[in-house]
Amino acid sequence: MKKAIFIMLDQYADWEAGYLAGLLNQKEDWEVKTASTQNEIMSIGGFHTKVDHLLDELPKQIDLLVLIGGNSWHLGFCCEV
């Protein structure tokens, strides 16, 4: 089974993941999971979300990694370029 991981930080843009996640979840050969820096996060729209994985505990095999936008990316949670 192929695995897609959606990385979502606190204050993530909840509208960005819906279309792709919906398409993948309809496929029998895809599994969609979420990951973040903490166990529970909140979207810009106020959705409380319990994620499947913490970033430091991601599975070794990931077929698709999706970075969801939001207000937290500019706060330095990611690497510097």
N, C-alpha and C. Protein backbone atom coordinates (compact mmCIF):
# COMPACT_ATOMS: atom_id res chain seq x y z
N MET A 1 0.85 -1.18 0.00
CA MET A 1 0.00 0.00 0.00
C MET A 1 0.89 1.24 0.00
N LYS A 2 0.52 2.23 -0.79
CA LYS A 2 1.25 3.49 -0.84
C LYS A 2 0.81 4.38 0.31
N LYS A 3 1.78 5.14 0.86
CA LYS A 3 1.48 6.00 2.00
C LYS A 3 1.72 7.46 1.66
N ALA A 4 0.70 8.30 1.92
CA ALA A 4 0.82 9.75 1.78
C ALA A 4 0.79 10.36 3.17
N ILE A 5 1.75 11.24 3.45
CA ILE A 5 1.80 11.93 4.72
C ILE A 5 1.59 13.42 4.46
N PHE A 6 0.60 14.00 5.12
CA PHE A 6 0.32 15.43 5.04
C PHE A 6 0.93 16.10 6.27
N ILE A 7 1.94 16.95 6.05
CA ILE A 7 2.57 17.69 7.14
C ILE A 7 1.76 18.96 7.38
N MET A 8 1.28 19.11 8.60
CA MET A 8 0.43 20.25 8.95
C MET A 8 0.92 20.82 10.27
N LEU A 9 1.35 22.06 10.26
CA LEU A 9 1.76 22.73 11.50
C LEU A 9 0.56 23.44 12.12
N ASP A 10 0.72 23.87 13.38
CA ASP A 10 -0.34 24.63 14.02
C ASP A 10 -0.68 25.84 13.17
N GLN A 11 -1.95 26.17 13.09
CA GLN A 11 -2.48 27.24 12.22
C GLN A 11 -2.32 26.88 10.74
N TYR A 12 -2.53 25.59 10.42
CA TYR A 12 -2.44 25.16 9.03
C TYR A 12 -3.67 25.61 8.25
N ALA A 13 -3.51 25.70 6.93
CA ALA A 13 -4.60 26.12 6.04
C ALA A 13 -5.47 24.89 5.74
N ASP A 14 -6.56 24.75 6.45
CA ASP A 14 -7.38 23.54 6.38
C ASP A 14 -7.96 23.27 4.99
N TRP A 15 -8.11 24.27 4.18
CA TRP A 15 -8.70 24.10 2.85
C TRP A 15 -7.71 23.49 1.84
N GLU A 16 -6.43 23.48 2.14
CA GLU A 16 -5.45 23.01 1.17
C GLU A 16 -5.39 21.50 1.02
N ALA A 17 -5.69 20.75 2.05
CA ALA A 17 -5.52 19.29 2.02
C ALA A 17 -6.73 18.54 1.47
N GLY A 18 -7.89 19.16 1.52
CA GLY A 18 -9.13 18.44 1.25
C GLY A 18 -9.23 17.74 -0.09
N TYR A 19 -8.93 18.43 -1.16
CA TYR A 19 -9.13 17.85 -2.49
C TYR A 19 -8.22 16.65 -2.73
N LEU A 20 -6.92 16.82 -2.47
CA LEU A 20 -5.98 15.73 -2.70
C LEU A 20 -6.23 14.56 -1.75
N ALA A 21 -6.47 14.85 -0.48
CA ALA A 21 -6.75 13.78 0.48
C ALA A 21 -8.00 13.01 0.09
N GLY A 22 -9.02 13.71 -0.37
CA GLY A 22 -10.25 13.05 -0.81
C GLY A 22 -10.03 12.14 -1.99
N LEU A 23 -9.23 12.59 -2.94
CA LEU A 23 -8.92 11.74 -4.11
C LEU A 23 -8.14 10.50 -3.70
N LEU A 24 -7.12 10.69 -2.88
CA LEU A 24 -6.29 9.55 -2.48
C LEU A 24 -7.06 8.55 -1.63
N ASN A 25 -7.91 9.04 -0.74
CA ASN A 25 -8.68 8.14 0.13
C ASN A 25 -9.68 7.29 -0.62
N GLN A 26 -10.03 7.66 -1.83
CA GLN A 26 -10.93 6.85 -2.64
C GLN A 26 -10.21 5.71 -3.34
N LYS A 27 -8.88 5.75 -3.33
CA LYS A 27 -8.08 4.71 -3.96
C LYS A 27 -7.78 3.62 -2.94
N GLU A 28 -7.93 2.37 -3.33
CA GLU A 28 -7.68 1.27 -2.41
C GLU A 28 -6.20 1.07 -2.11
N ASP A 29 -5.33 1.57 -2.98
CA ASP A 29 -3.89 1.34 -2.79
C ASP A 29 -3.18 2.51 -2.10
N TRP A 30 -3.93 3.50 -1.58
CA TRP A 30 -3.33 4.64 -0.88
C TRP A 30 -3.84 4.71 0.56
N GLU A 31 -2.94 5.08 1.46
CA GLU A 31 -3.28 5.35 2.85
C GLU A 31 -2.84 6.79 3.14
N VAL A 32 -3.73 7.59 3.69
CA VAL A 32 -3.43 9.00 3.98
C VAL A 32 -3.31 9.17 5.49
N LYS A 33 -2.20 9.77 5.92
CA LYS A 33 -1.95 10.04 7.33
C LYS A 33 -1.48 11.48 7.48
N THR A 34 -1.50 11.97 8.72
CA THR A 34 -1.07 13.34 9.00
C THR A 34 0.11 13.31 9.97
N ALA A 35 0.89 14.41 9.95
CA ALA A 35 2.03 14.53 10.87
C ALA A 35 2.23 16.00 11.22
N SER A 36 2.80 16.23 12.41
CA SER A 36 3.08 17.59 12.85
C SER A 36 4.14 17.56 13.94
N THR A 37 4.42 18.73 14.49
CA THR A 37 5.40 18.86 15.56
C THR A 37 4.80 18.56 16.93
N GLN A 38 3.47 18.50 17.00
CA GLN A 38 2.78 18.19 18.25
C GLN A 38 1.59 17.30 17.95
N ASN A 39 1.07 16.62 18.97
CA ASN A 39 -0.02 15.65 18.78
C ASN A 39 -1.33 16.26 18.31
N GLU A 40 -1.63 17.46 18.76
CA GLU A 40 -2.86 18.13 18.38
C GLU A 40 -2.54 19.53 17.90
N ILE A 41 -3.18 19.93 16.81
CA ILE A 41 -2.97 21.24 16.23
C ILE A 41 -4.32 21.87 15.91
N MET A 42 -4.31 23.16 15.60
CA MET A 42 -5.54 23.84 15.21
C MET A 42 -5.31 24.54 13.88
N SER A 43 -6.29 24.44 13.01
CA SER A 43 -6.20 25.09 11.70
C SER A 43 -6.54 26.57 11.81
N ILE A 44 -6.27 27.29 10.74
CA ILE A 44 -6.64 28.70 10.68
C ILE A 44 -8.15 28.84 10.85
N GLY A 45 -8.90 27.89 10.32
CA GLY A 45 -10.36 27.92 10.41
C GLY A 45 -10.92 27.42 11.73
N GLY A 46 -10.06 27.02 12.67
CA GLY A 46 -10.53 26.61 13.99
C GLY A 46 -10.76 25.13 14.18
N PHE A 47 -10.37 24.29 13.21
CA PHE A 47 -10.52 22.84 13.37
C PHE A 47 -9.42 22.30 14.28
N HIS A 48 -9.80 21.58 15.32
CA HIS A 48 -8.84 20.91 16.19
C HIS A 48 -8.53 19.56 15.54
N THR A 49 -7.26 19.27 15.35
CA THR A 49 -6.85 18.08 14.62
C THR A 49 -5.85 17.27 15.42
N LYS A 50 -6.14 15.99 15.63
CA LYS A 50 -5.19 15.07 16.25
C LYS A 50 -4.45 14.37 15.11
N VAL A 51 -3.14 14.52 15.06
CA VAL A 51 -2.36 13.96 13.95
C VAL A 51 -1.97 12.51 14.23
N ASP A 52 -1.63 11.81 13.15
CA ASP A 52 -1.25 10.40 13.25
C ASP A 52 0.19 10.19 13.69
N HIS A 53 1.08 11.09 13.29
CA HIS A 53 2.51 10.92 13.58
C HIS A 53 3.13 12.25 14.01
N LEU A 54 4.10 12.19 14.90
CA LEU A 54 4.96 13.33 15.16
C LEU A 54 6.07 13.31 14.11
N LEU A 55 6.62 14.48 13.78
CA LEU A 55 7.62 14.55 12.71
C LEU A 55 8.84 13.67 12.99
N ASP A 56 9.25 13.56 14.24
CA ASP A 56 10.43 12.75 14.54
C ASP A 56 10.13 11.26 14.61
N GLU A 57 8.88 10.86 14.35
CA GLU A 57 8.49 9.45 14.38
C GLU A 57 7.83 9.02 13.07
N LEU A 58 8.19 9.68 11.97
CA LEU A 58 7.59 9.34 10.68
C LEU A 58 7.99 7.95 10.23
N PRO A 59 7.12 7.26 9.50
CA PRO A 59 7.48 5.95 8.96
C PRO A 59 8.67 6.09 8.00
N LYS A 60 9.43 5.01 7.87
CA LYS A 60 10.59 5.03 6.98
C LYS A 60 10.18 5.09 5.51
N GLN A 61 9.08 4.45 5.17
CA GLN A 61 8.61 4.42 3.78
C GLN A 61 7.44 5.39 3.60
N ILE A 62 7.68 6.45 2.82
CA ILE A 62 6.63 7.42 2.48
C ILE A 62 6.68 7.61 0.97
N ASP A 63 5.54 7.43 0.32
CA ASP A 63 5.48 7.56 -1.14
C ASP A 63 5.16 8.98 -1.58
N LEU A 64 4.44 9.72 -0.75
CA LEU A 64 4.06 11.09 -1.09
C LEU A 64 4.07 11.93 0.18
N LEU A 65 4.85 13.02 0.16
CA LEU A 65 4.91 13.94 1.29
C LEU A 65 4.31 15.26 0.84
N VAL A 66 3.26 15.71 1.54
CA VAL A 66 2.55 16.93 1.18
C VAL A 66 2.71 17.94 2.30
N LEU A 67 3.24 19.12 1.98
CA LEU A 67 3.41 20.19 2.97
C LEU A 67 2.22 21.15 2.84
N ILE A 68 1.40 21.21 3.88
CA ILE A 68 0.23 22.07 3.88
C ILE A 68 0.64 23.45 4.38
N GLY A 69 0.22 24.49 3.69
CA GLY A 69 0.57 25.86 4.07
C GLY A 69 -0.15 26.31 5.32
N GLY A 70 0.23 27.48 5.78
CA GLY A 70 -0.40 28.04 6.97
C GLY A 70 0.42 29.17 7.54
N ASN A 71 0.02 29.63 8.70
CA ASN A 71 0.68 30.77 9.33
C ASN A 71 1.97 30.41 10.05
N SER A 72 2.22 29.14 10.33
CA SER A 72 3.38 28.76 11.13
C SER A 72 4.68 28.62 10.34
N TRP A 73 4.64 28.45 9.05
CA TRP A 73 5.86 28.21 8.28
C TRP A 73 6.84 29.36 8.39
N HIS A 74 6.36 30.57 8.49
CA HIS A 74 7.27 31.72 8.57
C HIS A 74 7.84 31.93 9.97
N LEU A 75 7.41 31.14 10.95
CA LEU A 75 7.87 31.32 12.32
C LEU A 75 9.16 30.56 12.62
N GLY A 76 9.72 29.86 11.63
CA GLY A 76 10.98 29.18 11.82
C GLY A 76 10.87 27.73 12.24
N PHE A 77 9.72 27.08 12.03
CA PHE A 77 9.59 25.67 12.38
C PHE A 77 10.32 24.78 11.40
N CYS A 78 10.60 25.30 10.26
CA CYS A 78 11.30 24.54 9.22
C CYS A 78 12.74 24.99 9.17
N CYS A 79 13.45 24.42 8.29
CA CYS A 79 14.88 24.73 8.14
C CYS A 79 15.09 26.08 7.48
N GLU A 80 16.24 26.69 7.76
CA GLU A 80 16.58 27.96 7.11
C GLU A 80 17.18 27.69 5.75
N VAL A 81 16.93 28.56 4.82
CA VAL A 81 17.46 28.41 3.47
C VAL A 81 18.59 29.39 3.27
